[in-house]
C-alpha atoms as a PDB file:
ATOM      1  CA  UNK A   1     -27.857 266.062  11.397  1.00  0.00           C
ATOM      2  CA  UNK A   2     -24.826 266.688   9.324  1.00  0.00           C
ATOM      3  CA  UNK A   3     -24.505 266.644   5.524  1.00  0.00           C
ATOM      4  CA  UNK A   4     -20.651 265.737   5.343  1.00  0.00           C
ATOM      5  CA  UNK A   5     -20.974 262.068   5.467  1.00  0.00           C
ATOM      6  CA  UNK A   6     -23.827 262.305   2.928  1.00  0.00           C
ATOM      7  CA  UNK A   7     -21.100 263.870   0.624  1.00  0.00           C
ATOM      8  CA  UNK A   8     -18.406 261.670   1.203  1.00  0.00           C
ATOM      9  CA  UNK A   9     -20.409 258.670   0.762  1.00  0.00           C
ATOM     10  CA  UNK A  10     -21.599 259.658  -2.477  1.00  0.00           C
ATOM     11  CA  UNK A  11     -18.065 261.001  -3.674  1.00  0.00           C
ATOM     12  CA  UNK A  12     -16.612 257.075  -2.814  1.00  0.00           C
ATOM     13  CA  UNK A  13     -19.950 255.589  -4.679  1.00  0.00           C
ATOM     14  CA  UNK A  14     -18.610 257.218  -7.777  1.00  0.00           C
ATOM     15  CA  UNK A  15     -15.512 255.684  -7.604  1.00  0.00           C
ATOM     16  CA  UNK A  16     -13.419 258.383  -5.848  1.00  0.00           C
ATOM     17  CA  UNK A  17     -11.872 256.974  -3.098  1.00  0.00           C
ATOM     18  CA  UNK A  18      -8.791 258.185  -3.242  1.00  0.00           C
ATOM     19  CA  UNK A  19      -9.860 261.714  -3.892  1.00  0.00           C
ATOM     20  CA  UNK A  20     -11.962 261.946  -0.639  1.00  0.00           C
ATOM     21  CA  UNK A  21      -8.530 260.255   1.263  1.00  0.00           C
ATOM     22  CA  UNK A  22      -6.660 263.326   0.422  1.00  0.00           C
ATOM     23  CA  UNK A  23      -9.314 265.740   1.106  1.00  0.00           C
ATOM     24  CA  UNK A  24      -9.778 263.996   4.260  1.00  0.00           C
ATOM     25  CA  UNK A  25      -6.173 264.341   5.549  1.00  0.00           C
ATOM     26  CA  UNK A  26      -5.522 267.830   3.849  1.00  0.00           C
ATOM     27  CA  UNK A  27      -9.025 269.224   5.808  1.00  0.00           C
ATOM     28  CA  UNK A  28      -8.374 267.154   9.182  1.00  0.00           C
ATOM     29  CA  UNK A  29      -4.746 266.963   9.300  1.00  0.00           C
ATOM     30  CA  UNK A  30      -2.875 269.624   7.649  1.00  0.00           C
ATOM     31  CA  UNK A  31      -5.950 272.254   8.368  1.00  0.00           C
ATOM     32  CA  UNK A  32      -8.270 271.274  11.432  1.00  0.00           C
ATOM     33  CA  UNK A  33      -5.363 270.029  13.962  1.00  0.00           C
ATOM     34  CA  UNK A  34      -2.979 272.759  13.411  1.00  0.00           C
ATOM     35  CA  UNK A  35      -5.960 275.586  13.978  1.00  0.00           C
ATOM     36  CA  UNK A  36      -7.015 273.208  16.849  1.00  0.00           C
ATOM     37  CA  UNK A  37      -3.249 273.261  18.263  1.00  0.00           C
ATOM     38  CA  UNK A  38      -3.551 276.916  17.704  1.00  0.00           C
ATOM     39  CA  UNK A  39      -6.879 277.920  19.313  1.00  0.00           C
ATOM     40  CA  UNK A  40      -6.451 275.471  21.795  1.00  0.00           C
ATOM     41  CA  UNK A  41      -2.873 275.730  23.445  1.00  0.00           C
ATOM     42  CA  UNK A  42      -1.425 279.193  22.032  1.00  0.00           C
ATOM     43  CA  UNK A  43      -4.658 280.896  22.633  1.00  0.00           C
ATOM     44  CA  UNK A  44      -5.602 279.309  25.870  1.00  0.00           C
ATOM     45  CA  UNK A  45      -9.576 278.469  24.279  1.00  0.00           C
ATOM     46  CA  UNK A  46      -8.694 274.692  25.843  1.00  0.00           C
ATOM     47  CA  UNK A  47     -11.306 272.853  24.526  1.00  0.00           C
ATOM     48  CA  UNK A  48     -13.395 275.092  22.878  1.00  0.00           C
ATOM     49  CA  UNK A  49     -10.423 276.131  20.873  1.00  0.00           C
ATOM     50  CA  UNK A  50      -9.844 272.582  19.554  1.00  0.00           C
ATOM     51  CA  UNK A  51     -13.271 271.689  19.200  1.00  0.00           C
ATOM     52  CA  UNK A  52     -13.253 275.406  16.723  1.00  0.00           C
ATOM     53  CA  UNK A  53     -10.059 273.531  15.087  1.00  0.00           C
ATOM     54  CA  UNK A  54     -12.035 270.755  14.121  1.00  0.00           C
ATOM     55  CA  UNK A  55     -15.267 272.132  12.816  1.00  0.00           C
ATOM     56  CA  UNK A  56     -12.980 274.550  10.683  1.00  0.00           C
ATOM     57  CA  UNK A  57     -11.363 271.195   9.676  1.00  0.00           C
ATOM     58  CA  UNK A  58     -14.955 269.832   8.921  1.00  0.00           C
ATOM     59  CA  UNK A  59     -16.294 273.044   7.549  1.00  0.00           C
ATOM     60  CA  UNK A  60     -13.240 272.935   4.682  1.00  0.00           C
ATOM     61  CA  UNK A  61     -14.178 269.194   3.899  1.00  0.00           C
ATOM     62  CA  UNK A  62     -17.770 269.888   3.223  1.00  0.00           C
ATOM     63  CA  UNK A  63     -17.155 272.584   1.096  1.00  0.00           C
ATOM     64  CA  UNK A  64     -14.411 271.193  -0.738  1.00  0.00           C
ATOM     65  CA  UNK A  65     -16.866 267.900  -1.622  1.00  0.00           C
ATOM     66  CA  UNK A  66     -19.942 270.353  -2.721  1.00  0.00           C
ATOM     67  CA  UNK A  67     -17.670 271.827  -5.094  1.00  0.00           C
ATOM     68  CA  UNK A  68     -16.844 268.875  -6.652  1.00  0.00           C
ATOM     69  CA  UNK A  69     -20.374 267.023  -6.589  1.00  0.00           C
ATOM     70  CA  UNK A  70     -21.500 270.778  -7.979  1.00  0.00           C
ATOM     71  CA  UNK A  71     -19.175 270.801 -10.655  1.00  0.00           C
ATOM     72  CA  UNK A  72     -19.119 266.817 -11.776  1.00  0.00           C
ATOM     73  CA  UNK A  73     -20.708 265.968 -15.522  1.00  0.00           C
ATOM     74  CA  UNK A  74     -23.263 263.574 -13.881  1.00  0.00           C
ATOM     75  CA  UNK A  75     -23.868 262.173 -17.185  1.00  0.00           C
ATOM     76  CA  UNK A  76     -20.591 261.622 -17.921  1.00  0.00           C
ATOM     77  CA  UNK A  77     -19.976 259.535 -14.456  1.00  0.00           C
ATOM     78  CA  UNK A  78     -23.113 257.275 -15.457  1.00  0.00           C
ATOM     79  CA  UNK A  79     -21.563 256.449 -18.968  1.00  0.00           C
ATOM     80  CA  UNK A  80     -17.942 255.470 -17.876  1.00  0.00           C
ATOM     81  CA  UNK A  81     -20.359 253.593 -14.755  1.00  0.00           C
ATOM     82  CA  UNK A  82     -21.799 251.671 -18.053  1.00  0.00           C
ATOM     83  CA  UNK A  83     -18.712 250.809 -19.731  1.00  0.00           C
ATOM     84  CA  UNK A  84     -17.448 249.009 -16.236  1.00  0.00           C
ATOM     85  CA  UNK A  85     -20.378 247.499 -16.055  1.00  0.00           C
ATOM     86  CA  UNK A  86     -19.812 246.355 -19.697  1.00  0.00           C
ATOM     87  CA  UNK A  87     -16.691 245.071 -18.888  1.00  0.00           C
ATOM     88  CA  UNK A  88     -18.363 242.452 -16.509  1.00  0.00           C
ATOM     89  CA  UNK A  89     -20.646 241.413 -19.553  1.00  0.00           C
ATOM     90  CA  UNK A  90     -23.770 242.628 -18.298  1.00  0.00           C
ATOM     91  CA  UNK A  91     -25.842 245.114 -20.977  1.00  0.00           C
ATOM     92  CA  UNK A  92     -27.745 248.040 -19.528  1.00  0.00           C
ATOM     93  CA  UNK A  93     -29.606 250.378 -21.485  1.00  0.00           C
ATOM     94  CA  UNK A  94     -29.870 254.030 -20.080  1.00  0.00           C
ATOM     95  CA  UNK A  95     -32.415 256.323 -21.247  1.00  0.00           C
ATOM     96  CA  UNK A  96     -31.341 258.800 -22.909  1.00  0.00           C
ATOM     97  CA  UNK A  97     -31.260 262.677 -21.362  1.00  0.00           C
ATOM     98  CA  UNK A  98     -31.196 266.238 -22.595  1.00  0.00           C
ATOM     99  CA  UNK A  99     -27.861 267.851 -20.913  1.00  0.00           C
ATOM    100  CA  UNK A 100     -28.443 270.396 -18.826  1.00  0.00           C
ATOM    101  CA  UNK A 101     -32.249 269.314 -17.683  1.00  0.00           C
END
């Protein structure tokens, strides 16, 4: 089981679709594929080299998404979501939570 799709889903659900798209493009097309081409063709590792390159791209994507998610101020994100909901005329009461707990 992989955590990468879960991280992507959380980030997309938080409204960061464009950020996730840039991370995907950067990791797969700017890192994974060139590494795969070098490993697969230049170093003559064939299919194994291509798999290794794509795996490196996926690991890089997972690490970047983990950093983004761990650095996120989720209380602030919840308040922003509450404001977006209020635009549509829905009243939501969020419980108060102490920061850092």
